[in-house]
Amino acid sequence: MAGKSVTHSEMVRIGTRLLEEAGIPAAAYEARELYLRTAGLSLSDYALCRTEEAEAETALRYEERIRRRSDREPLQYITGFAPFYGRDFRVGPGVLIPRFDTETLVSAVLPKLKEGMRILDLCTGSGCVLMTLIMEGPEGLIGTGTDISDEALRYAGLNRERFGLGVDLLKSDLFESVSGRYDLITANPPYIRTGEIAALDREVRDYEPHLALDGDADGLRFYRRICSLAGQFLKDDGWLAFETGYDEAEDVGKLMKDAGFAGIRVFRDEAGLERAVIGERHV
């Protein structure tokens, strides 16, 4: 691509072909997305300047990004952003990439929020769940996010700054550094069964942090730990809400029930898979 004059649209066509040859399923979309991010163009800008010549520096950077994507590095790590609930969150190596599945968790708990509630988000990663709840919910919500990973907390801090939020971020192994009581505890913990990690798509298995993926032999290790301790950090009638693996909701619901939670409900994602479980603490 580099070294010769090509237009913006020609660059995207070349990128699409190379990604198709590499077996990337959404090659056309990803080639265009990579080019827009590389050239600093909006979609409307691109529509107006498709036939204009691309800058040589842009061509070089785009060629490198297409190579990285062809090697199955996640698109979101290359661009530095991942969409979630209508906003772009900063991401990069060392933090789990937000997924549309997780939007189910947000949608499940938003109706429970009232002004001034305190929210604790465990395994916060990029902070996408916590910060989306703060921005989408009623006024005066108070949020705290915890994670054991320094790199994840770095990206959460970048997103806190990006959105101008006052949430607290703590390095903590689940509740280890947490004090006080909350109206809502959310968590998207590691839930992939250890034996299944080797079979994950290459871009997940080889690039995303296993610390955020591995839920032990049965995938339920962190749910057990959280359920056993959550009651100590929830106010009376507070809520506990999880994202779960597609086949784990029933088991997680049972763990919550055994820990004294009631009114347990399961929510499905757009594909019809059970993806979020919520329950209320009763004393």
C-alpha atoms as a PDB file:
ATOM      1  CA  MET A   1       0.000   0.000   0.000  1.00  0.00           C
ATOM      2  CA  ALA A   2       2.724   2.431   0.969  1.00  0.00           C
ATOM      3  CA  GLY A   3       4.987   4.016  -1.660  1.00  0.00           C
ATOM      4  CA  LYS A   4       2.349   4.820  -4.257  1.00  0.00           C
ATOM      5  CA  SER A   5      -0.510   7.266  -4.532  1.00  0.00           C
ATOM      6  CA  VAL A   6      -3.850   5.784  -3.562  1.00  0.00           C
ATOM      7  CA  THR A   7      -7.172   7.291  -2.570  1.00  0.00           C
ATOM      8  CA  HIS A   8      -8.917   6.806   0.752  1.00  0.00           C
ATOM      9  CA  SER A   9     -11.428   4.377  -0.776  1.00  0.00           C
ATOM     10  CA  GLU A  10      -8.670   2.427  -2.523  1.00  0.00           C
ATOM     11  CA  MET A  11      -6.904   2.057   0.814  1.00  0.00           C
ATOM     12  CA  VAL A  12     -10.038   0.564   2.332  1.00  0.00           C
ATOM     13  CA  ARG A  13     -10.504  -1.796  -0.605  1.00  0.00           C
ATOM     14  CA  ILE A  14      -6.919  -3.037  -0.283  1.00  0.00           C
ATOM     15  CA  GLY A  15      -7.322  -3.440   3.463  1.00  0.00           C
ATOM     16  CA  THR A  16     -10.560  -5.376   2.961  1.00  0.00           C
ATOM     17  CA  ARG A  17      -8.892  -7.769   0.527  1.00  0.00           C
ATOM     18  CA  LEU A  18      -5.974  -8.411   2.876  1.00  0.00           C
ATOM     19  CA  LEU A  19      -8.266  -9.076   5.833  1.00  0.00           C
ATOM     20  CA  GLU A  20     -10.421 -11.387   3.734  1.00  0.00           C
ATOM     21  CA  GLU A  21      -7.302 -13.319   2.736  1.00  0.00           C
ATOM     22  CA  ALA A  22      -6.431 -13.580   6.443  1.00  0.00           C
ATOM     23  CA  GLY A  23      -9.874 -15.037   7.190  1.00  0.00           C
ATOM     24  CA  ILE A  24     -11.259 -12.090   9.175  1.00  0.00           C
ATOM     25  CA  PRO A  25     -15.072 -12.525   9.084  1.00  0.00           C
ATOM     26  CA  ALA A  26     -16.158  -8.855   9.018  1.00  0.00           C
ATOM     27  CA  ALA A  27     -13.299  -7.791   6.763  1.00  0.00           C
ATOM     28  CA  ALA A  28     -15.039  -4.888   5.008  1.00  0.00           C
ATOM     29  CA  TYR A  29     -16.291  -3.324   8.233  1.00  0.00           C
ATOM     30  CA  GLU A  30     -12.998  -3.777  10.077  1.00  0.00           C
ATOM     31  CA  ALA A  31     -10.886  -2.473   7.191  1.00  0.00           C
ATOM     32  CA  ARG A  32     -12.973   0.689   7.073  1.00  0.00           C
ATOM     33  CA  GLU A  33     -12.999   1.078  10.853  1.00  0.00           C
ATOM     34  CA  LEU A  34      -9.229   0.723  10.990  1.00  0.00           C
ATOM     35  CA  TYR A  35      -8.822   3.271   8.227  1.00  0.00           C
ATOM     36  CA  LEU A  36     -11.160   5.829   9.788  1.00  0.00           C
ATOM     37  CA  ARG A  37      -9.295   5.558  13.097  1.00  0.00           C
ATOM     38  CA  THR A  38      -5.913   5.742  11.374  1.00  0.00           C
ATOM     39  CA  ALA A  39      -6.792   8.731   9.204  1.00  0.00           C
ATOM     40  CA  GLY A  40      -8.754  10.523  11.927  1.00  0.00           C
ATOM     41  CA  LEU A  41     -11.893  10.628   9.792  1.00  0.00           C
ATOM     42  CA  SER A  42     -15.535  10.326  10.759  1.00  0.00           C
ATOM     43  CA  LEU A  43     -17.785   8.225   8.549  1.00  0.00           C
ATOM     44  CA  SER A  44     -19.324  11.376   7.068  1.00  0.00           C
ATOM     45  CA  ASP A  45     -15.847  12.847   6.434  1.00  0.00           C
ATOM     46  CA  TYR A  46     -14.868   9.655   4.629  1.00  0.00           C
ATOM     47  CA  ALA A  47     -17.967   9.783   2.443  1.00  0.00           C
ATOM     48  CA  LEU A  48     -16.990  13.276   1.287  1.00  0.00           C
ATOM     49  CA  CYS A  49     -13.302  12.597   0.610  1.00  0.00           C
ATOM     50  CA  ARG A  50     -13.273   8.998  -0.636  1.00  0.00           C
ATOM     51  CA  THR A  51     -11.615   9.916  -3.934  1.00  0.00           C
ATOM     52  CA  GLU A  52      -8.948  12.162  -2.415  1.00  0.00           C
ATOM     53  CA  GLU A  53      -5.371  10.953  -2.102  1.00  0.00           C
ATOM     54  CA  ALA A  54      -4.359   9.422   1.211  1.00  0.00           C
ATOM     55  CA  GLU A  55      -1.311  10.795   3.007  1.00  0.00           C
ATOM     56  CA  ALA A  56       1.808   8.633   2.856  1.00  0.00           C
ATOM     57  CA  GLU A  57       2.123   8.531   6.659  1.00  0.00           C
ATOM     58  CA  THR A  58      -1.487   7.398   6.960  1.00  0.00           C
ATOM     59  CA  ALA A  59      -0.856   4.649   4.411  1.00  0.00           C
ATOM     60  CA  LEU A  60       2.150   3.383   6.362  1.00  0.00           C
ATOM     61  CA  ARG A  61       0.308   3.316   9.681  1.00  0.00           C
ATOM     62  CA  TYR A  62      -2.719   1.661   8.068  1.00  0.00           C
ATOM     63  CA  GLU A  63      -0.586  -1.019   6.473  1.00  0.00           C
ATOM     64  CA  GLU A  64       0.914  -1.837   9.874  1.00  0.00           C
ATOM     65  CA  ARG A  65      -2.516  -1.995  11.485  1.00  0.00           C
ATOM     66  CA  ILE A  66      -3.860  -4.286   8.771  1.00  0.00           C
ATOM     67  CA  ARG A  67      -0.875  -6.577   9.344  1.00  0.00           C
ATOM     68  CA  ARG A  68      -1.575  -6.669  13.081  1.00  0.00           C
ATOM     69  CA  ARG A  69      -5.243  -7.456  12.509  1.00  0.00           C
ATOM     70  CA  SER A  70      -4.308 -10.168   9.997  1.00  0.00           C
ATOM     71  CA  ASP A  71      -2.257 -11.716  12.817  1.00  0.00           C
ATOM     72  CA  ARG A  72      -5.513 -11.784  14.830  1.00  0.00           C
ATOM     73  CA  GLU A  73      -4.654  -9.013  17.243  1.00  0.00           C
ATOM     74  CA  PRO A  74      -8.075  -7.725  18.373  1.00  0.00           C
ATOM     75  CA  LEU A  75      -9.416  -4.752  16.432  1.00  0.00           C
ATOM     76  CA  GLN A  76     -10.122  -2.952  19.704  1.00  0.00           C
ATOM     77  CA  TYR A  77      -6.523  -3.224  20.888  1.00  0.00           C
ATOM     78  CA  ILE A  78      -5.292  -1.825  17.589  1.00  0.00           C
ATOM     79  CA  THR A  79      -7.640   1.162  17.568  1.00  0.00           C
ATOM     80  CA  GLY A  80      -7.469   1.634  21.357  1.00  0.00           C
ATOM     81  CA  PHE A  81     -11.255   1.786  21.702  1.00  0.00           C
ATOM     82  CA  ALA A  82     -14.182  -0.584  22.199  1.00  0.00           C
ATOM     83  CA  PRO A  83     -17.859   0.384  21.823  1.00  0.00           C
ATOM     84  CA  PHE A  84     -20.114  -0.259  24.797  1.00  0.00           C
ATOM     85  CA  TYR A  85     -23.667   0.979  25.330  1.00  0.00           C
ATOM     86  CA  GLY A  86     -23.222   3.703  22.719  1.00  0.00           C
ATOM     87  CA  ARG A  87     -19.858   5.015  23.937  1.00  0.00           C
ATOM     88  CA  ASP A  88     -16.238   4.290  23.074  1.00  0.00           C
ATOM     89  CA  PHE A  89     -14.151   3.030  26.003  1.00  0.00           C
ATOM     90  CA  ARG A  90     -10.367   3.080  26.045  1.00  0.00           C
ATOM     91  CA  VAL A  91      -8.863  -0.416  25.965  1.00  0.00           C
ATOM     92  CA  GLY A  92      -5.546  -2.093  25.229  1.00  0.00           C
ATOM     93  CA  PRO A  93      -3.468  -5.174  26.035  1.00  0.00           C
ATOM     94  CA  GLY A  94      -3.970  -6.214  29.636  1.00  0.00           C
ATOM     95  CA  VAL A  95      -7.658  -5.328  29.928  1.00  0.00           C
ATOM     96  CA  LEU A  96     -10.678  -7.392  28.897  1.00  0.00           C
ATOM     97  CA  ILE A  97     -12.425  -5.994  25.830  1.00  0.00           C
ATOM     98  CA  PRO A  98     -16.020  -4.895  26.586  1.00  0.00           C
ATOM     99  CA  ARG A  99     -18.581  -7.028  24.768  1.00  0.00           C
ATOM    100  CA  PHE A 100     -22.162  -6.507  23.731  1.00  0.00           C
ATOM    101  CA  ASP A 101     -23.124  -9.482  25.922  1.00  0.00           C
ATOM    102  CA  THR A 102     -22.229  -7.410  28.979  1.00  0.00           C
ATOM    103  CA  GLU A 103     -24.749  -4.735  28.016  1.00  0.00           C
ATOM    104  CA  THR A 104     -27.358  -7.240  29.245  1.00  0.00           C
ATOM    105  CA  LEU A 105     -26.037  -6.803  32.777  1.00  0.00           C
ATOM    106  CA  VAL A 106     -26.306  -3.022  32.526  1.00  0.00           C
ATOM    107  CA  SER A 107     -29.854  -3.161  31.149  1.00  0.00           C
ATOM    108  CA  ALA A 108     -30.884  -5.594  33.891  1.00  0.00           C
ATOM    109  CA  VAL A 109     -29.866  -3.343  36.780  1.00  0.00           C
ATOM    110  CA  LEU A 110     -30.590   0.129  35.430  1.00  0.00           C
ATOM    111  CA  PRO A 111     -34.272  -0.051  36.502  1.00  0.00           C
ATOM    112  CA  LYS A 112     -33.151  -0.792  40.075  1.00  0.00           C
ATOM    113  CA  LEU A 113     -31.136   2.404  40.423  1.00  0.00           C
ATOM    114  CA  LYS A 114     -32.322   5.373  42.449  1.00  0.00           C
ATOM    115  CA  GLU A 115     -30.745   8.736  43.066  1.00  0.00           C
ATOM    116  CA  GLY A 116     -27.823   8.637  45.495  1.00  0.00           C
ATOM    117  CA  MET A 117     -27.292   4.872  45.443  1.00  0.00           C
ATOM    118  CA  ARG A 118     -23.811   3.456  46.041  1.00  0.00           C
ATOM    119  CA  ILE A 119     -22.542   0.975  43.449  1.00  0.00           C
ATOM    120  CA  LEU A 120     -19.608  -1.416  43.801  1.00  0.00           C
ATOM    121  CA  ASP A 121     -18.324  -3.006  40.596  1.00  0.00           C
ATOM    122  CA  LEU A 122     -15.996  -5.955  41.152  1.00  0.00           C
ATOM    123  CA  CYS A 123     -13.559  -7.054  38.421  1.00  0.00           C
ATOM    124  CA  THR A 124     -14.222  -3.680  36.850  1.00  0.00           C
ATOM    125  CA  GLY A 125     -11.703  -4.019  34.002  1.00  0.00           C
ATOM    126  CA  SER A 126     -12.111  -1.012  31.716  1.00  0.00           C
ATOM    127  CA  GLY A 127     -14.849   0.289  33.996  1.00  0.00           C
ATOM    128  CA  CYS A 128     -17.461  -0.024  31.265  1.00  0.00           C
ATOM    129  CA  VAL A 129     -20.226  -1.445  33.486  1.00  0.00           C
ATOM    130  CA  LEU A 130     -19.737   0.922  36.415  1.00  0.00           C
ATOM    131  CA  MET A 131     -19.288   4.044  34.313  1.00  0.00           C
ATOM    132  CA  THR A 132     -22.196   3.247  32.029  1.00  0.00           C
ATOM    133  CA  LEU A 133     -24.469   2.815  35.040  1.00  0.00           C
ATOM    134  CA  ILE A 134     -23.303   6.167  36.416  1.00  0.00           C
ATOM    135  CA  MET A 135     -23.876   7.923  33.090  1.00  0.00           C
ATOM    136  CA  GLU A 136     -27.165   6.209  32.219  1.00  0.00           C
ATOM    137  CA  GLY A 137     -28.668   6.111  35.701  1.00  0.00           C
ATOM    138  CA  PRO A 138     -30.283   8.804  37.860  1.00  0.00           C
ATOM    139  CA  GLU A 139     -28.374  11.747  39.314  1.00  0.00           C
ATOM    140  CA  GLY A 140     -26.132  11.397  42.324  1.00  0.00           C
ATOM    141  CA  LEU A 141     -24.988   7.791  41.924  1.00  0.00           C
ATOM    142  CA  ILE A 142     -21.747   7.001  43.760  1.00  0.00           C
ATOM    143  CA  GLY A 143     -19.475   4.395  42.221  1.00  0.00           C
ATOM    144  CA  THR A 144     -16.457   2.307  43.194  1.00  0.00           C
ATOM    145  CA  GLY A 145     -14.668  -0.136  40.922  1.00  0.00           C
ATOM    146  CA  THR A 146     -12.129  -2.754  41.986  1.00  0.00           C
ATOM    147  CA  ASP A 147      -9.712  -4.930  40.066  1.00  0.00           C
ATOM    148  CA  ILE A 148      -6.602  -6.936  40.918  1.00  0.00           C
ATOM    149  CA  SER A 149      -4.877  -5.921  37.676  1.00  0.00           C
ATOM    150  CA  ASP A 150      -2.797  -2.745  37.553  1.00  0.00           C
ATOM    151  CA  GLU A 151      -3.161  -2.586  33.775  1.00  0.00           C
ATOM    152  CA  ALA A 152      -6.941  -2.897  33.938  1.00  0.00           C
ATOM    153  CA  LEU A 153      -7.078  -0.126  36.532  1.00  0.00           C
ATOM    154  CA  ARG A 154      -4.926   2.055  34.288  1.00  0.00           C
ATOM    155  CA  TYR A 155      -7.488   1.793  31.511  1.00  0.00           C
ATOM    156  CA  ALA A 156     -10.332   2.303  33.957  1.00  0.00           C
ATOM    157  CA  GLY A 157      -8.559   5.492  35.042  1.00  0.00           C
ATOM    158  CA  LEU A 158      -8.280   6.639  31.427  1.00  0.00           C
ATOM    159  CA  ASN A 159     -12.005   6.077  30.970  1.00  0.00           C
ATOM    160  CA  ARG A 160     -12.816   7.874  34.204  1.00  0.00           C
ATOM    161  CA  GLU A 161     -10.895  10.847  32.851  1.00  0.00           C
ATOM    162  CA  ARG A 162     -12.396  10.485  29.373  1.00  0.00           C
ATOM    163  CA  PHE A 163     -15.944  10.720  30.706  1.00  0.00           C
ATOM    164  CA  GLY A 164     -15.221  13.173  33.516  1.00  0.00           C
ATOM    165  CA  LEU A 165     -16.522  10.910  36.288  1.00  0.00           C
ATOM    166  CA  GLY A 166     -15.745  10.912  39.982  1.00  0.00           C
ATOM    167  CA  VAL A 167     -15.794   7.162  40.577  1.00  0.00           C
ATOM    168  CA  ASP A 168     -13.267   5.582  42.933  1.00  0.00           C
ATOM    169  CA  LEU A 169     -10.950   2.867  41.617  1.00  0.00           C
ATOM    170  CA  LEU A 170      -9.257   0.431  44.001  1.00  0.00           C
ATOM    171  CA  LYS A 171      -6.716  -2.312  43.522  1.00  0.00           C
ATOM    172  CA  SER A 172      -8.365  -5.193  45.298  1.00  0.00           C
ATOM    173  CA  ASP A 173      -8.792  -8.941  45.127  1.00  0.00           C
ATOM    174  CA  LEU A 174     -12.592  -8.772  45.073  1.00  0.00           C
ATOM    175  CA  PHE A 175     -13.602  -7.323  48.491  1.00  0.00           C
ATOM    176  CA  GLU A 176     -10.097  -7.276  49.993  1.00  0.00           C
ATOM    177  CA  SER A 177      -9.704  -3.463  50.031  1.00  0.00           C
ATOM    178  CA  VAL A 178     -13.409  -2.618  50.171  1.00  0.00           C
ATOM    179  CA  SER A 179     -15.180  -1.052  53.141  1.00  0.00           C
ATOM    180  CA  GLY A 180     -18.696   0.146  53.776  1.00  0.00           C
ATOM    181  CA  ARG A 181     -22.011  -1.019  52.371  1.00  0.00           C
ATOM    182  CA  TYR A 182     -23.528  -0.602  48.940  1.00  0.00           C
ATOM    183  CA  ASP A 183     -26.963  -0.604  47.362  1.00  0.00           C
ATOM    184  CA  LEU A 184     -25.766  -2.602  44.356  1.00  0.00           C
ATOM    185  CA  ILE A 185     -22.822  -4.894  43.683  1.00  0.00           C
ATOM    186  CA  THR A 186     -22.120  -5.822  40.079  1.00  0.00           C
ATOM    187  CA  ALA A 187     -19.505  -8.197  38.723  1.00  0.00           C
ATOM    188  CA  ASN A 188     -18.388  -9.641  35.411  1.00  0.00           C
ATOM    189  CA  PRO A 189     -15.839 -12.055  36.881  1.00  0.00           C
ATOM    190  CA  PRO A 190     -13.634 -14.548  35.033  1.00  0.00           C
ATOM    191  CA  TYR A 191     -15.960 -17.413  34.104  1.00  0.00           C
ATOM    192  CA  ILE A 192     -14.372 -19.444  31.308  1.00  0.00           C
ATOM    193  CA  ARG A 193     -13.651 -23.007  32.405  1.00  0.00           C
ATOM    194  CA  THR A 194      -9.902 -23.579  32.513  1.00  0.00           C
ATOM    195  CA  GLY A 195     -10.116 -26.520  30.152  1.00  0.00           C
ATOM    196  CA  GLU A 196     -11.970 -24.464  27.544  1.00  0.00           C
ATOM    197  CA  ILE A 197      -9.464 -21.622  27.236  1.00  0.00           C
ATOM    198  CA  ALA A 198      -7.278 -23.457  24.707  1.00  0.00           C
ATOM    199  CA  ALA A 199     -10.286 -23.766  22.386  1.00  0.00           C
ATOM    200  CA  LEU A 200     -11.168 -20.052  22.434  1.00  0.00           C
ATOM    201  CA  ASP A 201     -10.756 -17.951  19.309  1.00  0.00           C
ATOM    202  CA  ARG A 202      -7.106 -17.116  18.774  1.00  0.00           C
ATOM    203  CA  GLU A 203      -7.609 -13.398  19.258  1.00  0.00           C
ATOM    204  CA  VAL A 204      -9.109 -14.031  22.702  1.00  0.00           C
ATOM    205  CA  ARG A 205      -6.812 -16.882  23.757  1.00  0.00           C
ATOM    206  CA  ASP A 206      -3.568 -15.274  22.591  1.00  0.00           C
ATOM    207  CA  TYR A 207      -4.214 -11.610  23.335  1.00  0.00           C
ATOM    208  CA  GLU A 208      -6.742 -11.015  26.114  1.00  0.00           C
ATOM    209  CA  PRO A 209      -5.573 -11.425  29.733  1.00  0.00           C
ATOM    210  CA  HIS A 210      -6.169 -14.933  31.087  1.00  0.00           C
ATOM    211  CA  LEU A 211      -6.479 -13.337  34.516  1.00  0.00           C
ATOM    212  CA  ALA A 212      -9.818 -11.919  33.323  1.00  0.00           C
ATOM    213  CA  LEU A 213     -10.938 -15.137  31.627  1.00  0.00           C
ATOM    214  CA  ASP A 214     -10.072 -18.168  33.775  1.00  0.00           C
ATOM    215  CA  GLY A 215     -12.847 -19.098  36.197  1.00  0.00           C
ATOM    216  CA  ASP A 216     -11.216 -22.361  37.350  1.00  0.00           C
ATOM    217  CA  ALA A 217     -12.265 -25.903  36.457  1.00  0.00           C
ATOM    218  CA  ASP A 218     -16.021 -25.311  36.528  1.00  0.00           C
ATOM    219  CA  GLY A 219     -15.982 -21.566  35.791  1.00  0.00           C
ATOM    220  CA  LEU A 220     -17.682 -20.748  39.089  1.00  0.00           C
ATOM    221  CA  ARG A 221     -14.787 -19.980  41.430  1.00  0.00           C
ATOM    222  CA  PHE A 222     -15.336 -16.232  41.592  1.00  0.00           C
ATOM    223  CA  TYR A 223     -19.106 -16.506  41.832  1.00  0.00           C
ATOM    224  CA  ARG A 224     -18.693 -18.678  44.918  1.00  0.00           C
ATOM    225  CA  ARG A 225     -16.313 -16.215  46.535  1.00  0.00           C
ATOM    226  CA  ILE A 226     -18.470 -13.199  45.750  1.00  0.00           C
ATOM    227  CA  CYS A 227     -21.724 -14.825  46.877  1.00  0.00           C
ATOM    228  CA  SER A 228     -20.190 -15.923  50.179  1.00  0.00           C
ATOM    229  CA  LEU A 229     -19.036 -12.388  51.027  1.00  0.00           C
ATOM    230  CA  ALA A 230     -21.433 -10.017  49.265  1.00  0.00           C
ATOM    231  CA  GLY A 231     -23.931  -9.893  52.122  1.00  0.00           C
ATOM    232  CA  GLN A 232     -21.312  -8.204  54.316  1.00  0.00           C
ATOM    233  CA  PHE A 233     -21.030  -5.324  51.876  1.00  0.00           C
ATOM    234  CA  LEU A 234     -24.663  -4.857  50.841  1.00  0.00           C
ATOM    235  CA  LYS A 235     -27.237  -2.695  52.542  1.00  0.00           C
ATOM    236  CA  ASP A 236     -30.547  -4.238  53.564  1.00  0.00           C
ATOM    237  CA  ASP A 237     -32.465  -5.114  50.385  1.00  0.00           C
ATOM    238  CA  GLY A 238     -29.381  -4.370  48.287  1.00  0.00           C
ATOM    239  CA  TRP A 239     -28.881  -6.073  44.940  1.00  0.00           C
ATOM    240  CA  LEU A 240     -26.215  -8.426  43.619  1.00  0.00           C
ATOM    241  CA  ALA A 241     -25.905  -8.699  39.832  1.00  0.00           C
ATOM    242  CA  PHE A 242     -23.639 -10.877  37.686  1.00  0.00           C
ATOM    243  CA  GLU A 243     -22.779 -11.442  34.090  1.00  0.00           C
ATOM    244  CA  THR A 244     -22.502 -15.185  33.522  1.00  0.00           C
ATOM    245  CA  GLY A 245     -21.306 -17.577  30.872  1.00  0.00           C
ATOM    246  CA  TYR A 246     -24.033 -18.654  28.450  1.00  0.00           C
ATOM    247  CA  ASP A 247     -24.624 -21.940  30.334  1.00  0.00           C
ATOM    248  CA  GLU A 248     -23.875 -20.847  33.900  1.00  0.00           C
ATOM    249  CA  ALA A 249     -26.906 -18.775  34.925  1.00  0.00           C
ATOM    250  CA  GLU A 250     -28.701 -21.658  36.639  1.00  0.00           C
ATOM    251  CA  ASP A 251     -25.651 -22.587  38.702  1.00  0.00           C
ATOM    252  CA  VAL A 252     -24.960 -18.968  39.627  1.00  0.00           C
ATOM    253  CA  GLY A 253     -28.592 -18.465  40.614  1.00  0.00           C
ATOM    254  CA  LYS A 254     -28.356 -21.472  42.932  1.00  0.00           C
ATOM    255  CA  LEU A 255     -25.194 -20.073  44.544  1.00  0.00           C
ATOM    256  CA  MET A 256     -27.016 -16.791  45.143  1.00  0.00           C
ATOM    257  CA  LYS A 257     -30.054 -18.547  46.608  1.00  0.00           C
ATOM    258  CA  ASP A 258     -27.866 -20.626  48.913  1.00  0.00           C
ATOM    259  CA  ALA A 259     -26.206 -17.385  50.074  1.00  0.00           C
ATOM    260  CA  GLY A 260     -29.572 -15.929  51.085  1.00  0.00           C
ATOM    261  CA  PHE A 261     -30.515 -13.900  48.026  1.00  0.00           C
ATOM    262  CA  ALA A 262     -34.128 -13.821  46.869  1.00  0.00           C
ATOM    263  CA  GLY A 263     -36.127 -12.616  43.887  1.00  0.00           C
ATOM    264  CA  ILE A 264     -33.499 -14.084  41.591  1.00  0.00           C
ATOM    265  CA  ARG A 265     -34.026 -13.273  37.905  1.00  0.00           C
ATOM    266  CA  VAL A 266     -32.186 -14.314  34.776  1.00  0.00           C
ATOM    267  CA  PHE A 267     -31.845 -12.022  31.747  1.00  0.00           C
ATOM    268  CA  ARG A 268     -31.106 -13.076  28.184  1.00  0.00           C
ATOM    269  CA  ASP A 269     -28.955 -11.283  25.627  1.00  0.00           C
ATOM    270  CA  GLU A 270     -30.046 -10.456  22.079  1.00  0.00           C
ATOM    271  CA  ALA A 271     -29.068 -13.942  20.939  1.00  0.00           C
ATOM    272  CA  GLY A 272     -31.427 -15.440  23.514  1.00  0.00           C
ATOM    273  CA  LEU A 273     -28.642 -16.732  25.765  1.00  0.00           C
ATOM    274  CA  GLU A 274     -28.879 -16.438  29.545  1.00  0.00           C
ATOM    275  CA  ARG A 275     -26.329 -13.761  30.325  1.00  0.00           C
ATOM    276  CA  ALA A 276     -27.148 -11.905  33.570  1.00  0.00           C
ATOM    277  CA  VAL A 277     -28.457 -12.950  36.979  1.00  0.00           C
ATOM    278  CA  ILE A 278     -29.630 -10.580  39.712  1.00  0.00           C
ATOM    279  CA  GLY A 279     -30.919 -11.141  43.232  1.00  0.00           C
ATOM    280  CA  GLU A 280     -31.888  -9.128  46.318  1.00  0.00           C
ATOM    281  CA  ARG A 281     -30.403  -9.439  49.787  1.00  0.00           C
ATOM    282  CA  HIS A 282     -32.961  -9.994  52.535  1.00  0.00           C
ATOM    283  CA  VAL A 283     -32.212  -9.881  56.247  1.00  0.00           C
END
